[in-house]
Amino acid sequence: MREDNKPSSEKESTLEELGARVKDAQRANAPKAESGINESHAYGMAMRLVAELVSGLIVGLIIGWLLDQALGTKPWMLIVFIFLGLGAGIFNVMRAAKQMEAAAARKREEADKANSNEGKHSG
């Protein structure tokens, strides 16, 4: 015999139990707010910082080399602009790191606020 013959109240209670179990499973598998940084995110941040530094250095190298070719001052403009490019790269790294830290602080604040609101509603 099939279970379709059950009274509708039993079906509804079974569906409610199933719905509750599904919601519990979804809550258990929902991504948690992390205070740490996962590995791929950390790798991406490191690559951005390295790219900022190297790009400043390369731009300084190219400008110095081009000026040396145009002005005939062989190594001097190259040396000066390598240092200027390195300084610009370090400045960009510091600026990018501050932006990343500010974004991480905002995420932590939002997570803390969400956790405190969740605690108030569950009590």
Protein backbone atom coordinates (compact mmCIF):
# COMPACT_ATOMS: atom_id res chain seq x y z
CA MET A 1 0.00 0.00 0.00
CA ARG A 2 1.15 3.54 -0.66
CA GLU A 3 1.61 6.27 1.92
CA ASP A 4 -0.75 8.59 0.02
CA ASN A 5 -3.56 7.24 2.16
CA LYS A 6 -2.24 9.04 5.28
CA PRO A 7 -4.45 11.75 6.69
CA SER A 8 -3.47 15.26 5.58
CA SER A 9 -2.52 16.34 9.13
CA GLU A 10 0.14 13.60 9.27
CA LYS A 11 1.48 14.69 5.87
CA GLU A 12 1.66 18.30 7.01
CA SER A 13 3.51 17.40 10.21
CA THR A 14 5.95 15.27 8.22
CA LEU A 15 6.51 18.15 5.79
CA GLU A 16 7.05 20.57 8.68
CA GLU A 17 9.59 18.21 10.24
CA LEU A 18 11.34 17.86 6.90
CA GLY A 19 11.36 21.65 6.46
CA ALA A 20 12.84 22.11 9.91
CA ARG A 21 15.54 19.52 9.20
CA VAL A 22 16.37 21.21 5.89
CA LYS A 23 16.67 24.61 7.58
CA ASP A 24 18.92 23.13 10.28
CA ALA A 25 21.13 21.56 7.62
CA GLN A 26 21.30 24.83 5.69
CA ARG A 27 22.30 26.73 8.83
CA ALA A 28 24.94 24.14 9.63
CA ASN A 29 26.41 24.34 6.12
CA ALA A 30 26.15 28.12 5.73
CA PRO A 31 29.50 29.88 5.43
CA LYS A 32 30.60 31.24 8.75
CA ALA A 33 31.93 34.77 9.21
CA GLU A 34 35.67 34.29 9.47
CA SER A 35 37.97 36.47 11.43
CA GLY A 36 40.92 34.95 9.58
CA ILE A 37 41.85 34.99 5.93
CA ASN A 38 41.57 31.93 3.77
CA GLU A 39 44.60 30.80 1.79
CA SER A 40 43.47 31.87 -1.69
CA HIS A 41 42.49 35.34 -0.46
CA ALA A 42 45.88 35.77 1.21
CA TYR A 43 47.62 34.67 -1.99
CA GLY A 44 45.63 37.21 -4.00
CA MET A 45 46.51 39.97 -1.55
CA ALA A 46 50.20 39.06 -1.70
CA MET A 47 50.13 39.01 -5.51
CA ARG A 48 48.53 42.45 -5.58
CA LEU A 49 51.19 43.88 -3.29
CA VAL A 50 54.01 42.34 -5.33
CA ALA A 51 52.44 43.64 -8.55
CA GLU A 52 52.23 47.15 -7.07
CA LEU A 53 55.91 47.09 -6.13
CA VAL A 54 57.18 45.55 -9.36
CA SER A 55 55.07 47.77 -11.60
CA GLY A 56 56.48 50.92 -9.98
CA LEU A 57 59.99 49.59 -10.43
CA ILE A 58 59.42 48.64 -14.08
CA VAL A 59 57.84 52.00 -14.94
CA GLY A 60 60.83 53.78 -13.34
CA LEU A 61 63.23 51.55 -15.25
CA ILE A 62 61.52 52.23 -18.59
CA ILE A 63 61.31 56.01 -18.06
CA GLY A 64 64.96 56.14 -16.96
CA TRP A 65 66.12 54.11 -19.93
CA LEU A 66 64.11 56.23 -22.39
CA LEU A 67 65.48 59.46 -20.90
CA ASP A 68 69.03 58.09 -21.03
CA GLN A 69 68.55 57.26 -24.72
CA ALA A 70 67.10 60.70 -25.48
CA LEU A 71 69.53 62.77 -23.41
CA GLY A 72 72.67 60.64 -23.76
CA THR A 73 73.22 60.43 -20.00
CA LYS A 74 73.71 56.66 -20.10
CA PRO A 75 73.32 55.25 -16.60
CA TRP A 76 72.27 58.31 -14.58
CA MET A 77 68.62 58.74 -15.49
CA LEU A 78 68.16 54.97 -15.27
CA ILE A 79 69.58 54.91 -11.74
CA VAL A 80 67.56 57.93 -10.62
CA PHE A 81 64.29 56.62 -12.04
CA ILE A 82 64.84 53.10 -10.68
CA PHE A 83 64.95 54.64 -7.21
CA LEU A 84 61.96 56.87 -7.96
CA GLY A 85 60.04 53.86 -9.32
CA LEU A 86 60.97 51.82 -6.26
CA GLY A 87 59.76 54.66 -4.00
CA ALA A 88 56.50 54.90 -5.95
CA GLY A 89 56.09 51.13 -5.73
CA ILE A 90 56.60 51.15 -1.96
CA PHE A 91 54.13 54.02 -1.64
CA ASN A 92 51.58 52.04 -3.69
CA VAL A 93 52.13 48.94 -1.55
CA MET A 94 51.52 50.94 1.63
CA ARG A 95 48.36 52.50 0.15
CA ALA A 96 47.04 49.11 -1.03
CA ALA A 97 47.78 47.52 2.35
CA LYS A 98 45.85 50.28 4.14
CA GLN A 99 42.90 49.75 1.79
CA MET A 100 42.95 45.99 2.43
CA GLU A 101 43.13 46.52 6.20
CA ALA A 102 40.22 48.96 6.08
CA ALA A 103 38.15 46.45 4.09
CA ALA A 104 39.02 43.67 6.54
CA ALA A 105 38.07 45.91 9.49
CA ARG A 106 34.69 46.67 7.87
CA LYS A 107 34.08 42.94 7.36
CA ARG A 108 34.96 42.22 10.99
CA GLU A 109 32.61 44.97 12.19
CA GLU A 110 29.78 43.66 10.01
CA ALA A 111 30.37 40.12 11.24
CA ASP A 112 30.45 41.26 14.86
CA LYS A 113 27.27 43.27 14.35
CA ALA A 114 25.56 40.31 12.67
CA ASN A 115 26.66 37.96 15.46
CA SER A 116 25.44 40.33 18.16
CA ASN A 117 22.08 40.78 16.38
CA GLU A 118 21.79 37.02 15.95
CA GLY A 119 22.40 36.54 19.67
CA LYS A 120 19.69 39.07 20.55
CA HIS A 121 17.11 37.42 18.29
CA SER A 122 17.80 33.86 19.41
CA GLY A 123 17.48 34.68 23.13
